[in-house]
Amino acid sequence: MLATAHRIREVERAQADGIRAGRTLREQTDFDGYLARRATDSSHTFRRHLRGLGGAVEE
C-alpha cells in the first residue's frame, strides 16, 4: 500500500512539474490521441490509455 501511495505521488508530482513548465494536463495525457482511439475502438477506456502512458495514478 505504501508503494502505491509513493507511485501516485510521483506521477502527480511529474504532472504538476509539467504544468509548471507549460504543458497542460490534456497534452500530458495525450487526450486528443485518446479521443481518436476511442472513436475507432469503443472499448478503449481512458484508464487503459493512461496505463499505456504510465500515468494511471490509481494503481
Protein backbone atom coordinates (compact mmCIF):
# COMPACT_ATOMS: atom_id res chain seq x y z
CA MET A 1 0.00 0.00 0.00
CA LEU A 2 2.84 2.40 0.78
CA ALA A 3 4.41 1.63 -2.60
CA THR A 4 1.13 2.54 -4.30
CA ALA A 5 0.96 5.85 -2.43
CA HIS A 6 4.55 6.59 -3.44
CA ARG A 7 3.79 5.83 -7.10
CA ILE A 8 0.73 8.10 -7.04
CA ARG A 9 2.81 10.89 -5.51
CA GLU A 10 5.50 10.53 -8.16
CA VAL A 11 3.03 10.56 -11.07
CA GLU A 12 1.16 13.56 -9.69
CA ARG A 13 4.40 15.41 -8.98
CA ALA A 14 5.55 14.83 -12.57
CA GLN A 15 2.20 16.11 -13.84
CA ALA A 16 2.46 19.23 -11.67
CA ASP A 17 6.01 19.83 -12.90
CA GLY A 18 4.74 19.52 -16.46
CA ILE A 19 2.00 22.07 -15.82
CA ARG A 20 4.52 24.49 -14.29
CA ALA A 21 6.63 24.02 -17.43
CA GLY A 22 3.67 24.99 -19.61
CA ARG A 23 2.33 21.57 -20.63
CA THR A 24 -1.38 21.21 -19.99
CA LEU A 25 -2.70 18.03 -18.45
CA ARG A 26 -4.55 17.48 -21.72
CA GLU A 27 -1.20 17.48 -23.54
CA GLN A 28 0.49 15.31 -20.93
CA THR A 29 -2.24 12.68 -21.16
CA ASP A 30 -2.43 12.87 -24.96
CA PHE A 31 -6.16 13.38 -24.60
CA ASP A 32 -6.57 14.03 -28.33
CA GLY A 33 -4.89 10.68 -29.02
CA TYR A 34 -7.28 9.04 -26.59
CA LEU A 35 -10.29 10.59 -28.33
CA ALA A 36 -9.04 9.46 -31.74
CA ARG A 37 -8.54 5.90 -30.49
CA ARG A 38 -11.89 5.91 -28.72
CA ALA A 39 -13.59 6.97 -31.97
CA THR A 40 -12.44 3.74 -33.62
CA ASP A 41 -12.47 1.45 -30.57
CA SER A 42 -15.36 1.98 -28.17
CA SER A 43 -13.83 -0.46 -25.68
CA HIS A 44 -10.74 1.73 -25.23
CA THR A 45 -11.04 3.39 -21.83
CA PHE A 46 -9.24 6.46 -20.55
CA ARG A 47 -7.80 4.37 -17.73
CA ARG A 48 -6.28 1.96 -20.29
CA HIS A 49 -4.97 4.94 -22.25
CA LEU A 50 -3.30 6.34 -19.12
CA ARG A 51 -1.82 2.95 -18.28
CA GLY A 52 -0.15 2.96 -21.67
CA LEU A 53 1.39 6.33 -20.89
CA GLY A 54 2.39 5.40 -17.36
CA GLY A 55 0.03 8.00 -15.95
CA ALA A 56 -2.64 5.92 -14.23
CA VAL A 57 -2.36 7.15 -10.66
CA GLU A 58 -4.97 4.91 -9.02
CA GLU A 59 -2.91 1.77 -9.34
